[in-house]
Amino acid sequence: MKDRLKELIRAKADEHGWEIVALEVMPDHVHLFVRAHPKHSPSYVANQFKGFTSRHLRAEFSHLRSRLPTLWSRSYFVATVGAVSAETVQRYIETQYERASRGGGRA
């Protein structure tokens, strides 16, 4: 399911012309660094990804419909890159599993 989620996220990004800079799917959340056109608000971008992936995953994996009232929570975190470089954010996302395995838990 993790690979399918990544595939869906990339498909939605391609549909809108957004660039996925970094993507890591964790057991209970997703880190996504995306470059989007300024006309698309962060809430629009987040909701596009969440709605699209939820519809597809719940249709393909029936156990998700019966076990979870919703696939995603309504919350999300958004930040702009400016105080740190894009490379720093990308490296942070790409090393999430290393951090979790060192006992850091959820990042």
Protein backbone atom coordinates (compact mmCIF):
# COMPACT_ATOMS: atom_id res chain seq x y z
CA MET A 1 0.00 0.00 0.00
CA LYS A 2 2.93 2.35 0.69
CA ASP A 3 4.09 2.13 -2.94
CA ARG A 4 0.54 2.71 -4.17
CA LEU A 5 0.24 5.81 -1.98
CA LYS A 6 3.48 7.20 -3.43
CA GLU A 7 2.25 6.44 -6.94
CA LEU A 8 -1.03 8.29 -6.29
CA ILE A 9 0.75 11.30 -4.82
CA ARG A 10 3.01 11.50 -7.87
CA ALA A 11 0.01 11.16 -10.22
CA LYS A 12 -1.82 14.05 -8.51
CA ALA A 13 1.33 16.18 -8.60
CA ASP A 14 1.78 15.48 -12.32
CA GLU A 15 -1.86 16.36 -12.98
CA HIS A 16 -1.30 19.83 -11.50
CA GLY A 17 2.27 20.36 -12.71
CA TRP A 18 3.65 20.24 -9.16
CA GLU A 19 7.15 18.94 -8.50
CA ILE A 20 7.71 16.37 -5.76
CA VAL A 21 11.07 17.32 -4.27
CA ALA A 22 10.96 14.73 -1.47
CA LEU A 23 8.43 12.16 -0.30
CA GLU A 24 8.57 9.72 2.60
CA VAL A 25 5.65 7.62 3.79
CA MET A 26 5.87 6.84 7.50
CA PRO A 27 3.65 4.34 9.35
CA ASP A 28 1.32 7.06 10.62
CA HIS A 29 2.02 10.15 8.51
CA VAL A 30 3.56 11.42 5.28
CA HIS A 31 6.37 13.91 4.71
CA LEU A 32 5.95 15.66 1.39
CA PHE A 33 8.06 18.49 0.01
CA VAL A 34 6.32 19.82 -3.06
CA ARG A 35 7.00 22.78 -5.32
CA ALA A 36 3.65 24.18 -6.48
CA HIS A 37 2.59 27.26 -8.42
CA PRO A 38 1.92 30.24 -6.12
CA LYS A 39 -1.68 30.43 -7.37
CA HIS A 40 -2.35 27.16 -5.49
CA SER A 41 -2.74 27.77 -1.77
CA PRO A 42 -1.14 25.31 0.66
CA SER A 43 -4.59 24.22 1.84
CA TYR A 44 -5.63 23.51 -1.75
CA VAL A 45 -2.48 21.44 -2.38
CA ALA A 46 -2.89 19.44 0.86
CA ASN A 47 -6.57 18.81 0.23
CA GLN A 48 -5.93 17.70 -3.35
CA PHE A 49 -3.43 15.09 -2.20
CA LYS A 50 -5.53 13.92 0.75
CA GLY A 51 -8.84 13.68 -1.09
CA PHE A 52 -7.40 11.97 -4.17
CA THR A 53 -5.37 9.40 -2.25
CA SER A 54 -8.21 8.67 0.18
CA ARG A 55 -10.73 7.98 -2.59
CA HIS A 56 -8.38 5.70 -4.48
CA LEU A 57 -6.93 3.79 -1.52
CA ARG A 58 -10.33 3.21 0.10
CA ALA A 59 -11.69 1.92 -3.22
CA GLU A 60 -8.72 -0.42 -3.76
CA PHE A 61 -8.27 -1.64 -0.17
CA SER A 62 -11.72 -2.42 1.23
CA HIS A 63 -10.43 -3.02 4.77
CA LEU A 64 -9.68 0.72 4.99
CA ARG A 65 -13.40 1.49 4.61
CA SER A 66 -14.46 -0.81 7.41
CA ARG A 67 -11.69 0.02 9.91
CA LEU A 68 -11.36 3.77 9.53
CA PRO A 69 -14.07 6.42 9.35
CA THR A 70 -11.65 8.55 7.32
CA LEU A 71 -8.22 7.83 5.92
CA TRP A 72 -6.67 11.20 6.76
CA SER A 73 -7.23 13.56 9.65
CA ARG A 74 -8.27 17.10 8.78
CA SER A 75 -4.96 18.46 10.02
CA TYR A 76 -1.71 19.05 8.17
CA PHE A 77 1.44 21.09 8.61
CA VAL A 78 2.66 23.51 5.98
CA ALA A 79 5.80 25.61 5.94
CA THR A 80 7.64 27.54 3.31
CA VAL A 81 11.30 27.09 2.60
CA GLY A 82 13.31 30.21 3.17
CA ALA A 83 15.12 30.13 6.50
CA VAL A 84 16.77 26.88 5.43
CA SER A 85 17.72 25.58 2.03
CA ALA A 86 15.57 23.27 -0.05
CA GLU A 87 18.38 20.72 0.23
CA THR A 88 18.12 20.78 4.04
CA VAL A 89 14.38 20.09 3.93
CA GLN A 90 14.86 17.35 1.34
CA ARG A 91 17.58 15.68 3.43
CA TYR A 92 15.37 15.87 6.55
CA ILE A 93 12.49 14.12 4.78
CA GLU A 94 14.70 11.49 3.19
CA THR A 95 16.22 10.53 6.55
CA GLN A 96 12.96 10.03 8.46
CA TYR A 97 13.31 6.27 8.72
CA GLU A 98 16.84 6.64 10.06
CA ARG A 99 15.58 9.01 12.74
CA ALA A 100 12.73 6.68 13.72
CA SER A 101 15.03 3.67 13.99
CA ARG A 102 17.37 5.57 16.32
CA GLY A 103 14.56 5.88 18.83
CA GLY A 104 13.53 9.35 17.81
CA GLY A 105 10.01 8.14 17.17
CA ARG A 106 7.81 10.41 15.19
CA ALA A 107 9.59 13.33 13.59
